[in-house]
PDB file of N, CA and C in Angstrom:
ATOM      1  N   MET A   1      51.751-199.233  38.806  1.00  0.00           N
ATOM      2  CA  MET A   1      52.087-197.914  38.265  1.00  0.00           C
ATOM      3  C   MET A   1      52.106-196.372  38.944  1.00  0.00           C
ATOM      4  N   LYS A   2      52.776-195.645  38.703  1.00  0.00           N
ATOM      5  CA  LYS A   2      52.687-194.683  38.988  1.00  0.00           C
ATOM      6  C   LYS A   2      51.897-193.898  38.620  1.00  0.00           C
ATOM      7  N   ALA A   3      51.258-192.871  39.490  1.00  0.00           N
ATOM      8  CA  ALA A   3      50.456-191.932  38.335  1.00  0.00           C
ATOM      9  C   ALA A   3      51.379-190.599  37.876  1.00  0.00           C
ATOM     10  N   GLU A   4      50.840-189.807  36.989  1.00  0.00           N
ATOM     11  CA  GLU A   4      51.871-189.116  36.580  1.00  0.00           C
ATOM     12  C   GLU A   4      52.133-187.502  37.253  1.00  0.00           C
ATOM     13  N   LYS A   5      53.202-187.577  38.071  1.00  0.00           N
ATOM     14  CA  LYS A   5      53.531-186.188  38.666  1.00  0.00           C
ATOM     15  C   LYS A   5      53.368-184.929  38.335  1.00  0.00           C
ATOM     16  N   THR A   6      52.398-183.714  38.899  1.00  0.00           N
ATOM     17  CA  THR A   6      51.756-182.739  38.443  1.00  0.00           C
ATOM     18  C   THR A   6      52.027-181.556  39.212  1.00  0.00           C
ATOM     19  N   PHE A   7      52.269-181.813  40.136  1.00  0.00           N
ATOM     20  CA  PHE A   7      53.271-180.809  41.300  1.00  0.00           C
ATOM     21  C   PHE A   7      54.252-181.128  41.539  1.00  0.00           C
ATOM     22  N   ASP A   8      55.189-179.889  41.584  1.00  0.00           N
ATOM     23  CA  ASP A   8      56.767-180.575  41.439  1.00  0.00           C
ATOM     24  C   ASP A   8      56.850-179.282  43.234  1.00  0.00           C
ATOM     25  N   CYS A   9      56.958-179.226  44.143  1.00  0.00           N
ATOM     26  CA  CYS A   9      57.260-178.018  44.771  1.00  0.00           C
ATOM     27  C   CYS A   9      58.896-177.742  44.901  1.00  0.00           C
ATOM     28  N   VAL A  10      59.468-177.923  44.545  1.00  0.00           N
ATOM     29  CA  VAL A  10      61.468-177.231  43.831  1.00  0.00           C
ATOM     30  C   VAL A  10      60.807-176.694  43.059  1.00  0.00           C
ATOM     31  N   ASP A  11      59.911-176.890  41.849  1.00  0.00           N
ATOM     32  CA  ASP A  11      59.554-176.236  40.676  1.00  0.00           C
ATOM     33  C   ASP A  11      58.909-174.990  41.303  1.00  0.00           C
ATOM     34  N   MET A  12      57.845-174.892  42.266  1.00  0.00           N
ATOM     35  CA  MET A  12      57.620-174.040  42.868  1.00  0.00           C
ATOM     36  C   MET A  12      57.766-173.161  43.831  1.00  0.00           C
ATOM     37  N   LYS A  13      59.118-174.131  44.397  1.00  0.00           N
ATOM     38  CA  LYS A  13      59.683-172.885  45.695  1.00  0.00           C
ATOM     39  C   LYS A  13      60.970-171.746  44.553  1.00  0.00           C
ATOM     40  N   THR A  14      61.432-172.811  43.664  1.00  0.00           N
ATOM     41  CA  THR A  14      62.412-171.705  42.510  1.00  0.00           C
ATOM     42  C   THR A  14      61.266-170.365  42.231  1.00  0.00           C
ATOM     43  N   GLU A  15      59.861-170.706  41.775  1.00  0.00           N
ATOM     44  CA  GLU A  15      59.561-169.788  41.152  1.00  0.00           C
ATOM     45  C   GLU A  15      58.909-168.905  42.092  1.00  0.00           C
ATOM     46  N   ILE A  16      58.639-168.978  43.132  1.00  0.00           N
ATOM     47  CA  ILE A  16      57.978-167.946  44.329  1.00  0.00           C
ATOM     48  C   ILE A  16      59.102-167.064  44.677  1.00  0.00           C
ATOM     49  N   GLN A  17      60.398-168.127  44.974  1.00  0.00           N
ATOM     50  CA  GLN A  17      61.707-167.291  45.148  1.00  0.00           C
ATOM     51  C   GLN A  17      61.872-165.908  44.307  1.00  0.00           C
ATOM     52  N   GLY A  18      61.920-166.590  42.692  1.00  0.00           N
ATOM     53  CA  GLY A  18      62.145-165.721  41.739  1.00  0.00           C
ATOM     54  C   GLY A  18      61.285-164.692  41.729  1.00  0.00           C
ATOM     55  N   ARG A  19      60.195-164.891  42.109  1.00  0.00           N
ATOM     56  CA  ARG A  19      58.874-163.666  42.450  1.00  0.00           C
ATOM     57  C   ARG A  19      59.345-162.429  43.427  1.00  0.00           C
ATOM     58  N   LEU A  20      60.126-162.956  44.466  1.00  0.00           N
ATOM     59  CA  LEU A  20      59.630-162.146  45.811  1.00  0.00           C
ATOM     60  C   LEU A  20      61.687-161.385  45.388  1.00  0.00           C
ATOM     61  N   LEU A  21      62.571-161.923  44.747  1.00  0.00           N
ATOM     62  CA  LEU A  21      63.642-161.523  44.495  1.00  0.00           C
ATOM     63  C   LEU A  21      63.340-160.515  43.722  1.00  0.00           C
ATOM     64  N   ARG A  22      62.454-160.724  42.519  1.00  0.00           N
ATOM     65  CA  ARG A  22      62.407-159.435  41.758  1.00  0.00           C
ATOM     66  C   ARG A  22      61.210-158.123  42.363  1.00  0.00           C
ATOM     67  N   GLU A  23      60.791-158.683  43.190  1.00  0.00           N
ATOM     68  CA  GLU A  23      59.622-157.644  43.798  1.00  0.00           C
ATOM     69  C   GLU A  23      61.144-156.657  45.173  1.00  0.00           C
ATOM     70  N   ILE A  24      61.877-157.921  45.186  1.00  0.00           N
ATOM     71  CA  ILE A  24      62.739-156.712  46.039  1.00  0.00           C
ATOM     72  C   ILE A  24      63.738-155.835  45.100  1.00  0.00           C
ATOM     73  N   ALA A  25      64.111-156.462  43.937  1.00  0.00           N
ATOM     74  CA  ALA A  25      64.865-155.616  43.225  1.00  0.00           C
ATOM     75  C   ALA A  25      64.411-154.652  42.821  1.00  0.00           C
ATOM     76  N   GLU A  26      62.591-154.621  42.537  1.00  0.00           N
ATOM     77  CA  GLU A  26      61.688-153.176  41.847  1.00  0.00           C
ATOM     78  C   GLU A  26      61.440-152.369  42.814  1.00  0.00           C
ATOM     79  N   LEU A  27      61.366-153.139  44.414  1.00  0.00           N
ATOM     80  CA  LEU A  27      60.463-151.655  45.317  1.00  0.00           C
ATOM     81  C   LEU A  27      61.516-151.526  46.517  1.00  0.00           C
ATOM     82  N   GLY A  28      62.735-151.853  46.493  1.00  0.00           N
ATOM     83  CA  GLY A  28      63.269-152.450  47.965  1.00  0.00           C
ATOM     84  C   GLY A  28      63.151-153.024  48.955  1.00  0.00           C
ATOM     85  N   GLU A  29      63.878-152.925  49.271  1.00  0.00           N
ATOM     86  CA  GLU A  29      63.863-153.992  50.488  1.00  0.00           C
ATOM     87  C   GLU A  29      62.693-153.930  51.388  1.00  0.00           C
ATOM     88  N   GLU A  30      62.354-152.873  52.513  1.00  0.00           N
ATOM     89  CA  GLU A  30      61.356-152.297  53.300  1.00  0.00           C
ATOM     90  C   GLU A  30      59.847-152.452  52.453  1.00  0.00           C
ATOM     91  N   GLU A  31      59.836-151.944  51.814  1.00  0.00           N
ATOM     92  CA  GLU A  31      58.549-151.627  50.529  1.00  0.00           C
ATOM     93  C   GLU A  31      58.513-153.274  50.429  1.00  0.00           C
ATOM     94  N   ALA A  32      59.115-154.075  50.097  1.00  0.00           N
ATOM     95  CA  ALA A  32      58.910-155.327  49.138  1.00  0.00           C
ATOM     96  C   ALA A  32      58.320-156.289  50.767  1.00  0.00           C
ATOM     97  N   GLN A  33      59.023-155.922  52.012  1.00  0.00           N
ATOM     98  CA  GLN A  33      58.693-156.628  53.369  1.00  0.00           C
ATOM     99  C   GLN A  33      57.257-156.174  53.499  1.00  0.00           C
ATOM    100  N   ARG A  34      56.966-154.548  53.493  1.00  0.00           N
ATOM    101  CA  ARG A  34      56.086-154.295  54.105  1.00  0.00           C
ATOM    102  C   ARG A  34      54.452-154.778  53.221  1.00  0.00           C
ATOM    103  N   ARG A  35      54.801-155.059  51.295  1.00  0.00           N
ATOM    104  CA  ARG A  35      54.219-155.619  50.772  1.00  0.00           C
ATOM    105  C   ARG A  35      53.820-157.092  51.127  1.00  0.00           C
ATOM    106  N   ARG A  36      54.353-157.551  51.532  1.00  0.00           N
ATOM    107  CA  ARG A  36      54.130-158.991  51.816  1.00  0.00           C
ATOM    108  C   ARG A  36      53.651-159.339  53.241  1.00  0.00           C
ATOM    109  N   ALA A  37      53.699-158.420  54.169  1.00  0.00           N
ATOM    110  CA  ALA A  37      52.749-158.302  55.911  1.00  0.00           C
ATOM    111  C   ALA A  37      51.635-158.457  54.987  1.00  0.00           C
ATOM    112  N   GLU A  38      51.681-156.855  54.053  1.00  0.00           N
ATOM    113  CA  GLU A  38      50.191-156.993  54.155  1.00  0.00           C
ATOM    114  C   GLU A  38      49.687-158.017  53.319  1.00  0.00           C
ATOM    115  N   ARG A  39      49.970-158.570  52.247  1.00  0.00           N
ATOM    116  CA  ARG A  39      49.661-159.775  51.700  1.00  0.00           C
ATOM    117  C   ARG A  39      49.030-160.981  52.674  1.00  0.00           C
ATOM    118  N   LEU A  40      50.121-161.248  53.294  1.00  0.00           N
ATOM    119  CA  LEU A  40      50.034-162.245  54.312  1.00  0.00           C
ATOM    120  C   LEU A  40      48.417-161.981  55.710  1.00  0.00           C
ATOM    121  N   SER A  41      48.416-160.444  55.869  1.00  0.00           N
ATOM    122  CA  SER A  41      47.640-160.571  56.904  1.00  0.00           C
ATOM    123  C   SER A  41      45.691-160.571  56.046  1.00  0.00           C
ATOM    124  N   ARG A  42      46.000-160.371  54.638  1.00  0.00           N
ATOM    125  CA  ARG A  42      44.481-160.368  54.124  1.00  0.00           C
ATOM    126  C   ARG A  42      44.512-162.069  53.911  1.00  0.00           C
ATOM    127  N   ASP A  43      45.728-162.304  53.700  1.00  0.00           N
ATOM    128  CA  ASP A  43      45.390-163.720  53.392  1.00  0.00           C
ATOM    129  C   ASP A  43      44.313-164.797  54.349  1.00  0.00           C
ATOM    130  N   PRO A  44      43.338-165.833  53.748  1.00  0.00           N
ATOM    131  CA  PRO A  44      42.127-166.129  54.302  1.00  0.00           C
ATOM    132  C   PRO A  44      42.746-167.320  55.558  1.00  0.00           C
ATOM    133  N   ILE A  45      43.540-168.034  55.237  1.00  0.00           N
ATOM    134  CA  ILE A  45      44.191-168.838  56.465  1.00  0.00           C
ATOM    135  C   ILE A  45      45.621-168.023  56.569  1.00  0.00           C
ATOM    136  N   LEU A  46      46.471-167.942  56.224  1.00  0.00           N
ATOM    137  CA  LEU A  46      47.777-167.523  57.072  1.00  0.00           C
ATOM    138  C   LEU A  46      47.551-165.855  57.945  1.00  0.00           C
ATOM    139  N   GLY A  47      46.584-165.453  57.094  1.00  0.00           N
ATOM    140  CA  GLY A  47      45.848-164.372  57.969  1.00  0.00           C
ATOM    141  C   GLY A  47      45.722-164.486  59.590  1.00  0.00           C
ATOM    142  N   GLY A  48      44.795-165.355  59.642  1.00  0.00           N
ATOM    143  CA  GLY A  48      43.844-165.637  61.050  1.00  0.00           C
ATOM    144  C   GLY A  48      45.219-166.316  61.804  1.00  0.00           C
ATOM    145  N   PHE A  49      45.683-166.693  61.465  1.00  0.00           N
ATOM    146  CA  PHE A  49      47.235-167.182  62.110  1.00  0.00           C
ATOM    147  C   PHE A  49      47.905-166.308  62.803  1.00  0.00           C
ATOM    148  N   LEU A  50      48.329-165.690  61.745  1.00  0.00           N
ATOM    149  CA  LEU A  50      49.050-164.543  61.954  1.00  0.00           C
ATOM    150  C   LEU A  50      48.726-163.607  63.102  1.00  0.00           C
ATOM    151  N   ARG A  51      47.207-163.065  63.259  1.00  0.00           N
ATOM    152  CA  ARG A  51      46.798-162.654  64.472  1.00  0.00           C
ATOM    153  C   ARG A  51      46.853-163.236  65.645  1.00  0.00           C
ATOM    154  N   LYS A  52      46.650-164.267  65.741  1.00  0.00           N
ATOM    155  CA  LYS A  52      46.337-165.291  66.885  1.00  0.00           C
ATOM    156  C   LYS A  52      47.760-165.041  67.401  1.00  0.00           C
ATOM    157  N   LYS A  53      49.109-165.423  66.404  1.00  0.00           N
ATOM    158  CA  LYS A  53      50.298-165.011  66.826  1.00  0.00           C
ATOM    159  C   LYS A  53      50.793-164.255  67.192  1.00  0.00           C
ATOM    160  N   GLU A  54      50.349-162.986  66.949  1.00  0.00           N
ATOM    161  CA  GLU A  54      50.681-161.687  67.567  1.00  0.00           C
ATOM    162  C   GLU A  54      49.970-161.265  68.518  1.00  0.00           C
ATOM    163  N   ALA A  55      48.776-161.806  68.885  1.00  0.00           N
ATOM    164  CA  ALA A  55      48.294-161.631  70.427  1.00  0.00           C
ATOM    165  C   ALA A  55      48.619-162.065  71.253  1.00  0.00           C
ATOM    166  N   THR A  56      48.714-163.492  71.293  1.00  0.00           N
ATOM    167  CA  THR A  56      49.812-164.562  71.807  1.00  0.00           C
ATOM    168  C   THR A  56      51.279-163.800  72.214  1.00  0.00           C
ATOM    169  N   GLN A  57      51.915-163.322  71.418  1.00  0.00           N
ATOM    170  CA  GLN A  57      53.380-162.627  71.593  1.00  0.00           C
ATOM    171  C   GLN A  57      52.906-161.449  72.422  1.00  0.00           C
ATOM    172  N   ARG A  58      51.810-160.613  72.531  1.00  0.00           N
ATOM    173  CA  ARG A  58      51.347-159.098  72.730  1.00  0.00           C
ATOM    174  C   ARG A  58      51.220-159.756  74.685  1.00  0.00           C
ATOM    175  N   GLU A  59      50.727-160.588  74.855  1.00  0.00           N
ATOM    176  CA  GLU A  59      50.056-160.850  75.955  1.00  0.00           C
ATOM    177  C   GLU A  59      51.350-161.808  76.674  1.00  0.00           C
ATOM    178  N   ALA A  60      52.330-162.280  76.134  1.00  0.00           N
ATOM    179  CA  ALA A  60      53.551-162.300  76.779  1.00  0.00           C
ATOM    180  C   ALA A  60      54.547-161.458  77.150  1.00  0.00           C
ATOM    181  N   THR A  61      54.451-160.508  76.191  1.00  0.00           N
ATOM    182  CA  THR A  61      55.199-159.401  76.573  1.00  0.00           C
ATOM    183  C   THR A  61      54.626-158.384  77.625  1.00  0.00           C
ATOM    184  N   GLU A  62      53.044-158.140  77.565  1.00  0.00           N
ATOM    185  CA  GLU A  62      52.347-157.565  78.689  1.00  0.00           C
ATOM    186  C   GLU A  62      52.701-158.205  80.246  1.00  0.00           C
ATOM    187  N   HIS A  63      52.843-159.396  80.473  1.00  0.00           N
ATOM    188  CA  HIS A  63      53.249-160.266  81.446  1.00  0.00           C
ATOM    189  C   HIS A  63      53.939-160.727  82.013  1.00  0.00           C
ATOM    190  N   THR A  64      55.042-160.154  81.076  1.00  0.00           N
ATOM    191  CA  THR A  64      57.095-160.450  81.608  1.00  0.00           C
ATOM    192  C   THR A  64      57.253-159.076  82.290  1.00  0.00           C
ATOM    193  N   PRO A  65      57.799-159.978  83.588  1.00  0.00           N
ATOM    194  CA  PRO A  65      57.650-158.155  84.308  1.00  0.00           C
ATOM    195  C   PRO A  65      59.347-157.905  83.806  1.00  0.00           C
ATOM    196  N   ALA A  66      59.659-156.526  83.578  1.00  0.00           N
ATOM    197  CA  ALA A  66      60.640-155.653  83.454  1.00  0.00           C
ATOM    198  C   ALA A  66      62.008-155.878  83.928  1.00  0.00           C
ATOM    199  N   ALA A  67      63.341-156.056  82.923  1.00  0.00           N
ATOM    200  CA  ALA A  67      64.146-156.587  84.173  1.00  0.00           C
ATOM    201  C   ALA A  67      64.814-155.333  84.112  1.00  0.00           C
TER     202      ALA A  67
END
């Protein structure tokens, strides 16, 4: 017998998407994007990933010869 499903990823996606759309409607696209970036940078898991990715991109840019 299957266990009762307590987590629905489609419901979660719909709820998050609704929050993001309300945020854009209330704040405007630029401010909403700035706040999302700020939240992401403070996230204990994703913030470290983002900083590592940005550092890698900076290094790649610095080592790429200008065209």
